Amino acid sequence: MFALLAHDDFDAWLQRSGRGYQVFYNADIPEDVTEKTWRRFHDPAEPMHCAVAEVDGELVRIVHLDLSSQLLDGLRLLLSSGSVHAETLGARGWHALIEHVYAEVSHDTVRVYWLTHETNQQAMVLYDVADRSGFVQYRKILG
């Protein structure tokens, strides 16, 4: 049921996670950034991976894993979720996918975290398997 993203999953990934994300968040991600992200998933030297849940051969949930963040006490893992047919996998399936991620990451990883927009109530119900940090993110887009 769970696997790493395969090379032949590009179209499904792009439609569901890439374009789906852009539509949901009204974002415009340049095509070259999307292509670079895809290449990084398949480069063993990169700290990025993508885990997927499949039902009947169709991707129903996609989770991007970014192990590039370093803390003083070890690595932290940033997850970002591409929600695909959430009703197919459901909350139990999401929780199982997160547990799969926990089991697969290095013992050096001390923190797994993910972000969502405050209006994404559907995702927040799924994400409540972890503790909310209480932090509010501030950022300034440069360029």
C-alpha atoms as a PDB file:
ATOM      1  CA  MET A   1       0.000   0.000   0.000  1.00  0.00           C
ATOM      2  CA  PHE A   2       2.882   2.413   0.745  1.00  0.00           C
ATOM      3  CA  ALA A   3       5.893   2.987  -1.489  1.00  0.00           C
ATOM      4  CA  LEU A   4       8.321   5.597  -2.670  1.00  0.00           C
ATOM      5  CA  LEU A   5       7.306   7.538  -5.749  1.00  0.00           C
ATOM      6  CA  ALA A   6       8.260   5.664  -8.937  1.00  0.00           C
ATOM      7  CA  HIS A   7       9.746   7.263 -12.059  1.00  0.00           C
ATOM      8  CA  ASP A   8       6.596   6.446 -14.033  1.00  0.00           C
ATOM      9  CA  ASP A   9       4.361   8.256 -11.491  1.00  0.00           C
ATOM     10  CA  PHE A  10       5.249  11.711 -12.860  1.00  0.00           C
ATOM     11  CA  ASP A  11       1.892  12.475 -14.499  1.00  0.00           C
ATOM     12  CA  ALA A  12      -0.110  11.381 -11.444  1.00  0.00           C
ATOM     13  CA  TRP A  13       2.213  13.296  -9.110  1.00  0.00           C
ATOM     14  CA  LEU A  14       2.099  16.420 -11.249  1.00  0.00           C
ATOM     15  CA  GLN A  15      -1.676  16.402 -11.561  1.00  0.00           C
ATOM     16  CA  ARG A  16      -2.448  15.614  -7.963  1.00  0.00           C
ATOM     17  CA  SER A  17       0.350  17.120  -5.952  1.00  0.00           C
ATOM     18  CA  GLY A  18       1.875  19.756  -8.187  1.00  0.00           C
ATOM     19  CA  ARG A  19      -1.111  21.254  -9.967  1.00  0.00           C
ATOM     20  CA  GLY A  20      -3.540  20.287  -7.243  1.00  0.00           C
ATOM     21  CA  TYR A  21      -1.468  22.209  -4.695  1.00  0.00           C
ATOM     22  CA  GLN A  22      -1.323  25.244  -6.960  1.00  0.00           C
ATOM     23  CA  VAL A  23      -5.080  25.270  -7.491  1.00  0.00           C
ATOM     24  CA  PHE A  24      -5.862  24.737  -3.801  1.00  0.00           C
ATOM     25  CA  TYR A  25      -3.514  27.472  -2.590  1.00  0.00           C
ATOM     26  CA  ASN A  26      -3.909  29.737  -5.632  1.00  0.00           C
ATOM     27  CA  ALA A  27      -0.149  29.564  -6.200  1.00  0.00           C
ATOM     28  CA  ASP A  28       1.930  29.745  -9.349  1.00  0.00           C
ATOM     29  CA  ILE A  29       4.985  27.504  -9.199  1.00  0.00           C
ATOM     30  CA  PRO A  30       7.277  27.848 -12.228  1.00  0.00           C
ATOM     31  CA  GLU A  31       7.600  24.734 -14.392  1.00  0.00           C
ATOM     32  CA  ASP A  32      11.382  24.590 -13.914  1.00  0.00           C
ATOM     33  CA  VAL A  33      10.910  24.444 -10.118  1.00  0.00           C
ATOM     34  CA  THR A  34       8.432  21.587 -10.525  1.00  0.00           C
ATOM     35  CA  GLU A  35      10.850  19.699 -12.787  1.00  0.00           C
ATOM     36  CA  LYS A  36      13.755  20.270 -10.388  1.00  0.00           C
ATOM     37  CA  THR A  37      11.652  18.991  -7.478  1.00  0.00           C
ATOM     38  CA  TRP A  38      10.796  15.839  -9.462  1.00  0.00           C
ATOM     39  CA  ARG A  39      14.473  15.209 -10.246  1.00  0.00           C
ATOM     40  CA  ARG A  40      15.427  15.698  -6.593  1.00  0.00           C
ATOM     41  CA  PHE A  41      12.999  12.964  -5.508  1.00  0.00           C
ATOM     42  CA  HIS A  42      14.949  10.468  -7.619  1.00  0.00           C
ATOM     43  CA  ASP A  43      18.494  11.653  -6.875  1.00  0.00           C
ATOM     44  CA  PRO A  44      20.039   9.560  -4.081  1.00  0.00           C
ATOM     45  CA  ALA A  45      22.313  12.474  -3.161  1.00  0.00           C
ATOM     46  CA  GLU A  46      19.310  14.710  -2.390  1.00  0.00           C
ATOM     47  CA  PRO A  47      17.585  14.761   1.019  1.00  0.00           C
ATOM     48  CA  MET A  48      14.109  14.732  -0.586  1.00  0.00           C
ATOM     49  CA  HIS A  49      11.795  11.783  -1.078  1.00  0.00           C
ATOM     50  CA  CYS A  50       8.154  11.190  -1.809  1.00  0.00           C
ATOM     51  CA  ALA A  51       6.061   8.465  -0.188  1.00  0.00           C
ATOM     52  CA  VAL A  52       2.750   7.453  -1.688  1.00  0.00           C
ATOM     53  CA  ALA A  53      -0.257   5.409  -0.715  1.00  0.00           C
ATOM     54  CA  GLU A  54      -1.911   3.441  -3.482  1.00  0.00           C
ATOM     55  CA  VAL A  55      -5.318   1.821  -3.737  1.00  0.00           C
ATOM     56  CA  ASP A  56      -5.897  -0.435  -6.754  1.00  0.00           C
ATOM     57  CA  GLY A  57      -2.769   0.985  -8.416  1.00  0.00           C
ATOM     58  CA  GLU A  58      -3.894   4.603  -8.118  1.00  0.00           C
ATOM     59  CA  LEU A  59      -2.091   7.199  -6.007  1.00  0.00           C
ATOM     60  CA  VAL A  60      -4.497   8.309  -3.301  1.00  0.00           C
ATOM     61  CA  ARG A  61      -2.166  10.150  -0.949  1.00  0.00           C
ATOM     62  CA  ILE A  62       1.243  11.720  -1.531  1.00  0.00           C
ATOM     63  CA  VAL A  63       3.656  12.933   1.131  1.00  0.00           C
ATOM     64  CA  HIS A  64       6.824  14.868   0.313  1.00  0.00           C
ATOM     65  CA  LEU A  65       9.698  14.365   2.741  1.00  0.00           C
ATOM     66  CA  ASP A  66      12.447  16.961   3.069  1.00  0.00           C
ATOM     67  CA  LEU A  67      15.321  15.961   5.342  1.00  0.00           C
ATOM     68  CA  SER A  68      17.426  19.023   4.590  1.00  0.00           C
ATOM     69  CA  SER A  69      16.636  20.914   7.770  1.00  0.00           C
ATOM     70  CA  GLN A  70      19.311  20.557  10.430  1.00  0.00           C
ATOM     71  CA  LEU A  71      18.792  21.236  14.117  1.00  0.00           C
ATOM     72  CA  LEU A  72      21.392  21.297  16.850  1.00  0.00           C
ATOM     73  CA  ASP A  73      20.079  17.983  18.149  1.00  0.00           C
ATOM     74  CA  GLY A  74      19.714  16.167  14.819  1.00  0.00           C
ATOM     75  CA  LEU A  75      17.704  16.194  11.638  1.00  0.00           C
ATOM     76  CA  ARG A  76      14.148  17.319  11.345  1.00  0.00           C
ATOM     77  CA  LEU A  77      11.824  16.096   8.634  1.00  0.00           C
ATOM     78  CA  LEU A  78       9.432  18.468   6.906  1.00  0.00           C
ATOM     79  CA  LEU A  79       6.395  16.771   5.410  1.00  0.00           C
ATOM     80  CA  SER A  80       4.114  18.287   2.851  1.00  0.00           C
ATOM     81  CA  SER A  81       1.010  16.458   1.815  1.00  0.00           C
ATOM     82  CA  GLY A  82      -0.579  16.162  -1.559  1.00  0.00           C
ATOM     83  CA  SER A  83      -4.145  15.210  -0.770  1.00  0.00           C
ATOM     84  CA  VAL A  84      -5.507  12.938  -3.415  1.00  0.00           C
ATOM     85  CA  HIS A  85      -8.904  11.299  -3.108  1.00  0.00           C
ATOM     86  CA  ALA A  86      -8.813  11.836   0.645  1.00  0.00           C
ATOM     87  CA  GLU A  87     -12.116  10.033   1.015  1.00  0.00           C
ATOM     88  CA  THR A  88     -10.575   6.903  -0.538  1.00  0.00           C
ATOM     89  CA  LEU A  89      -7.768   6.587   1.973  1.00  0.00           C
ATOM     90  CA  GLY A  90      -9.483   8.325   4.867  1.00  0.00           C
ATOM     91  CA  ALA A  91      -8.068   9.386   8.202  1.00  0.00           C
ATOM     92  CA  ARG A  92      -6.928   5.867   9.146  1.00  0.00           C
ATOM     93  CA  GLY A  93      -5.023   5.620   5.882  1.00  0.00           C
ATOM     94  CA  TRP A  94      -3.389   9.006   6.456  1.00  0.00           C
ATOM     95  CA  HIS A  95      -2.389   7.986   9.963  1.00  0.00           C
ATOM     96  CA  ALA A  96      -0.969   4.724   8.593  1.00  0.00           C
ATOM     97  CA  LEU A  97       1.031   6.643   5.981  1.00  0.00           C
ATOM     98  CA  ILE A  98       2.445   8.948   8.660  1.00  0.00           C
ATOM     99  CA  GLU A  99       3.356   5.919  10.784  1.00  0.00           C
ATOM    100  CA  HIS A 100       5.066   4.461   7.693  1.00  0.00           C
ATOM    101  CA  VAL A 101       7.076   7.670   7.339  1.00  0.00           C
ATOM    102  CA  TYR A 102       8.044   7.584  11.017  1.00  0.00           C
ATOM    103  CA  ALA A 103       9.269   3.995  10.618  1.00  0.00           C
ATOM    104  CA  GLU A 104      11.252   4.728   7.456  1.00  0.00           C
ATOM    105  CA  VAL A 105      13.150   7.856   8.499  1.00  0.00           C
ATOM    106  CA  SER A 106      16.604   7.700   9.973  1.00  0.00           C
ATOM    107  CA  HIS A 107      17.110   7.270  13.700  1.00  0.00           C
ATOM    108  CA  ASP A 108      18.912  10.633  13.509  1.00  0.00           C
ATOM    109  CA  THR A 109      15.626  12.379  12.773  1.00  0.00           C
ATOM    110  CA  VAL A 110      14.404  14.000  15.949  1.00  0.00           C
ATOM    111  CA  ARG A 111      11.419  15.944  14.685  1.00  0.00           C
ATOM    112  CA  VAL A 112       8.808  15.440  12.015  1.00  0.00           C
ATOM    113  CA  TYR A 113       6.667  18.450  11.204  1.00  0.00           C
ATOM    114  CA  TRP A 114       4.342  19.784   8.560  1.00  0.00           C
ATOM    115  CA  LEU A 115       2.502  22.992   7.794  1.00  0.00           C
ATOM    116  CA  THR A 116      -0.889  23.814   6.396  1.00  0.00           C
ATOM    117  CA  HIS A 117      -2.885  26.952   5.887  1.00  0.00           C
ATOM    118  CA  GLU A 118      -5.139  27.933   8.782  1.00  0.00           C
ATOM    119  CA  THR A 119      -8.185  27.654   6.504  1.00  0.00           C
ATOM    120  CA  ASN A 120      -7.451  24.039   5.506  1.00  0.00           C
ATOM    121  CA  GLN A 121      -9.749  22.476   8.080  1.00  0.00           C
ATOM    122  CA  GLN A 122      -9.950  19.135   6.227  1.00  0.00           C
ATOM    123  CA  ALA A 123      -6.180  18.671   6.459  1.00  0.00           C
ATOM    124  CA  MET A 124      -6.032  19.853  10.052  1.00  0.00           C
ATOM    125  CA  VAL A 125      -8.357  17.049  11.118  1.00  0.00           C
ATOM    126  CA  LEU A 126      -5.862  14.568   9.653  1.00  0.00           C
ATOM    127  CA  TYR A 127      -2.812  16.383  11.019  1.00  0.00           C
ATOM    128  CA  ASP A 128      -4.085  16.337  14.578  1.00  0.00           C
ATOM    129  CA  VAL A 129      -2.253  13.007  15.018  1.00  0.00           C
ATOM    130  CA  ALA A 130       0.633  15.223  16.136  1.00  0.00           C
ATOM    131  CA  ASP A 131       0.954  18.119  18.541  1.00  0.00           C
ATOM    132  CA  ARG A 132       0.435  21.680  17.363  1.00  0.00           C
ATOM    133  CA  SER A 133       3.550  23.696  18.028  1.00  0.00           C
ATOM    134  CA  GLY A 134       1.814  26.936  18.893  1.00  0.00           C
ATOM    135  CA  PHE A 135       4.161  28.837  16.591  1.00  0.00           C
ATOM    136  CA  VAL A 136       2.903  31.255  13.962  1.00  0.00           C
ATOM    137  CA  GLN A 137       5.002  31.571  10.834  1.00  0.00           C
ATOM    138  CA  TYR A 138       6.061  35.009   9.615  1.00  0.00           C
ATOM    139  CA  ARG A 139       7.731  35.464   6.270  1.00  0.00           C
ATOM    140  CA  LYS A 140       8.715  38.032   3.729  1.00  0.00           C
ATOM    141  CA  ILE A 141       8.816  37.006   0.082  1.00  0.00           C
ATOM    142  CA  LEU A 142      11.905  38.494  -1.561  1.00  0.00           C
ATOM    143  CA  GLY A 143      11.703  38.755  -5.302  1.00  0.00           C
END
